[in-house]
């Protein structure tokens, strides 16, 4: 069911690389999660998830993707 709450001007997603490949995106402050095999596909999936979550006219104007990378180095 679509959310009727107006979230403000933007929504932020934390994007991580999945261990099995591809990417996972988690919205901050909203229960939205999506995944895809490539970044272009992820962008489309995020847009679709946001459209499905909010009622027409109540969604954010901006979707911000915060890319998280992890690198392990020896001590």
C-alpha atoms as a PDB file:
ATOM      1  CA  UNK A   1       0.000   0.000   0.000  1.00  0.00           C
ATOM      2  CA  UNK A   2       1.266   3.473  -0.825  1.00  0.00           C
ATOM      3  CA  UNK A   3       2.397   5.764   1.966  1.00  0.00           C
ATOM      4  CA  UNK A   4       0.450   9.065   2.201  1.00  0.00           C
ATOM      5  CA  UNK A   5       3.083  10.873   4.264  1.00  0.00           C
ATOM      6  CA  UNK A   6       4.938  13.667   2.481  1.00  0.00           C
ATOM      7  CA  UNK A   7       8.631  12.932   3.186  1.00  0.00           C
ATOM      8  CA  UNK A   8      10.119  16.307   2.318  1.00  0.00           C
ATOM      9  CA  UNK A   9      12.229  17.106  -0.686  1.00  0.00           C
ATOM     10  CA  UNK A  10      14.474  14.036  -0.855  1.00  0.00           C
ATOM     11  CA  UNK A  11      14.982  10.453   0.181  1.00  0.00           C
ATOM     12  CA  UNK A  12      18.398   8.920   0.761  1.00  0.00           C
ATOM     13  CA  UNK A  13      19.373   5.345  -0.069  1.00  0.00           C
ATOM     14  CA  UNK A  14      22.486   3.619   1.231  1.00  0.00           C
ATOM     15  CA  UNK A  15      23.874   1.472  -1.598  1.00  0.00           C
ATOM     16  CA  UNK A  16      26.163  -1.471  -0.879  1.00  0.00           C
ATOM     17  CA  UNK A  17      27.724  -4.078  -3.113  1.00  0.00           C
ATOM     18  CA  UNK A  18      26.184  -7.470  -2.410  1.00  0.00           C
ATOM     19  CA  UNK A  19      28.544 -10.351  -1.613  1.00  0.00           C
ATOM     20  CA  UNK A  20      26.954 -12.474  -4.323  1.00  0.00           C
ATOM     21  CA  UNK A  21      27.300  -9.649  -6.854  1.00  0.00           C
ATOM     22  CA  UNK A  22      25.159  -6.702  -7.749  1.00  0.00           C
ATOM     23  CA  UNK A  23      23.926  -3.977  -5.415  1.00  0.00           C
ATOM     24  CA  UNK A  24      21.434  -3.515  -2.581  1.00  0.00           C
ATOM     25  CA  UNK A  25      19.841  -0.156  -1.682  1.00  0.00           C
ATOM     26  CA  UNK A  26      18.233   0.661   1.689  1.00  0.00           C
ATOM     27  CA  UNK A  27      16.200   3.839   2.238  1.00  0.00           C
ATOM     28  CA  UNK A  28      16.915   5.868   5.361  1.00  0.00           C
ATOM     29  CA  UNK A  29      13.749   6.547   7.346  1.00  0.00           C
ATOM     30  CA  UNK A  30      11.458   4.493   5.101  1.00  0.00           C
ATOM     31  CA  UNK A  31      10.986   0.720   4.821  1.00  0.00           C
ATOM     32  CA  UNK A  32      12.202   0.507   1.216  1.00  0.00           C
ATOM     33  CA  UNK A  33      14.822  -2.018   0.046  1.00  0.00           C
ATOM     34  CA  UNK A  34      15.666  -3.043  -3.498  1.00  0.00           C
ATOM     35  CA  UNK A  35      18.465  -4.760  -5.379  1.00  0.00           C
ATOM     36  CA  UNK A  36      19.845  -5.116  -8.884  1.00  0.00           C
ATOM     37  CA  UNK A  37      22.757  -6.592 -10.841  1.00  0.00           C
ATOM     38  CA  UNK A  38      24.116  -3.251 -12.156  1.00  0.00           C
ATOM     39  CA  UNK A  39      24.079   0.414 -11.160  1.00  0.00           C
ATOM     40  CA  UNK A  40      21.860   1.509 -14.090  1.00  0.00           C
ATOM     41  CA  UNK A  41      19.384  -1.249 -13.205  1.00  0.00           C
ATOM     42  CA  UNK A  42      19.547  -0.280  -9.512  1.00  0.00           C
ATOM     43  CA  UNK A  43      18.654   3.328 -10.328  1.00  0.00           C
ATOM     44  CA  UNK A  44      15.564   2.143 -12.194  1.00  0.00           C
ATOM     45  CA  UNK A  45      14.628  -0.224  -9.361  1.00  0.00           C
ATOM     46  CA  UNK A  46      15.026   2.542  -6.747  1.00  0.00           C
ATOM     47  CA  UNK A  47      12.818   4.909  -8.754  1.00  0.00           C
ATOM     48  CA  UNK A  48      10.180   2.199  -9.122  1.00  0.00           C
ATOM     49  CA  UNK A  49      10.302   1.320  -5.405  1.00  0.00           C
ATOM     50  CA  UNK A  50       9.873   4.984  -4.436  1.00  0.00           C
ATOM     51  CA  UNK A  51       6.916   5.388  -6.830  1.00  0.00           C
ATOM     52  CA  UNK A  52       5.271   2.282  -5.335  1.00  0.00           C
ATOM     53  CA  UNK A  53       5.876   3.369  -1.732  1.00  0.00           C
ATOM     54  CA  UNK A  54       4.432   6.895  -1.889  1.00  0.00           C
ATOM     55  CA  UNK A  55       1.058   7.995  -3.202  1.00  0.00           C
ATOM     56  CA  UNK A  56       1.011  10.071  -6.364  1.00  0.00           C
ATOM     57  CA  UNK A  57       2.236  13.605  -5.670  1.00  0.00           C
ATOM     58  CA  UNK A  58       3.549  12.788  -2.178  1.00  0.00           C
ATOM     59  CA  UNK A  59       6.937  11.320  -3.052  1.00  0.00           C
ATOM     60  CA  UNK A  60      10.286  13.065  -2.822  1.00  0.00           C
ATOM     61  CA  UNK A  61      11.551  15.334  -5.594  1.00  0.00           C
ATOM     62  CA  UNK A  62      15.099  13.983  -5.239  1.00  0.00           C
ATOM     63  CA  UNK A  63      16.461  10.485  -4.714  1.00  0.00           C
ATOM     64  CA  UNK A  64      20.006  10.504  -3.354  1.00  0.00           C
ATOM     65  CA  UNK A  65      22.167   7.377  -3.581  1.00  0.00           C
ATOM     66  CA  UNK A  66      24.926   7.179  -0.967  1.00  0.00           C
ATOM     67  CA  UNK A  67      27.453   4.630  -2.252  1.00  0.00           C
ATOM     68  CA  UNK A  68      29.173   2.662   0.519  1.00  0.00           C
ATOM     69  CA  UNK A  69      32.367   0.838  -0.328  1.00  0.00           C
ATOM     70  CA  UNK A  70      34.341  -1.357   1.982  1.00  0.00           C
ATOM     71  CA  UNK A  71      38.002  -2.122   1.655  1.00  0.00           C
ATOM     72  CA  UNK A  72      39.950  -4.407   3.953  1.00  0.00           C
ATOM     73  CA  UNK A  73      43.657  -3.765   4.411  1.00  0.00           C
ATOM     74  CA  UNK A  74      46.216  -5.591   6.523  1.00  0.00           C
ATOM     75  CA  UNK A  75      47.290  -4.025   9.800  1.00  0.00           C
END
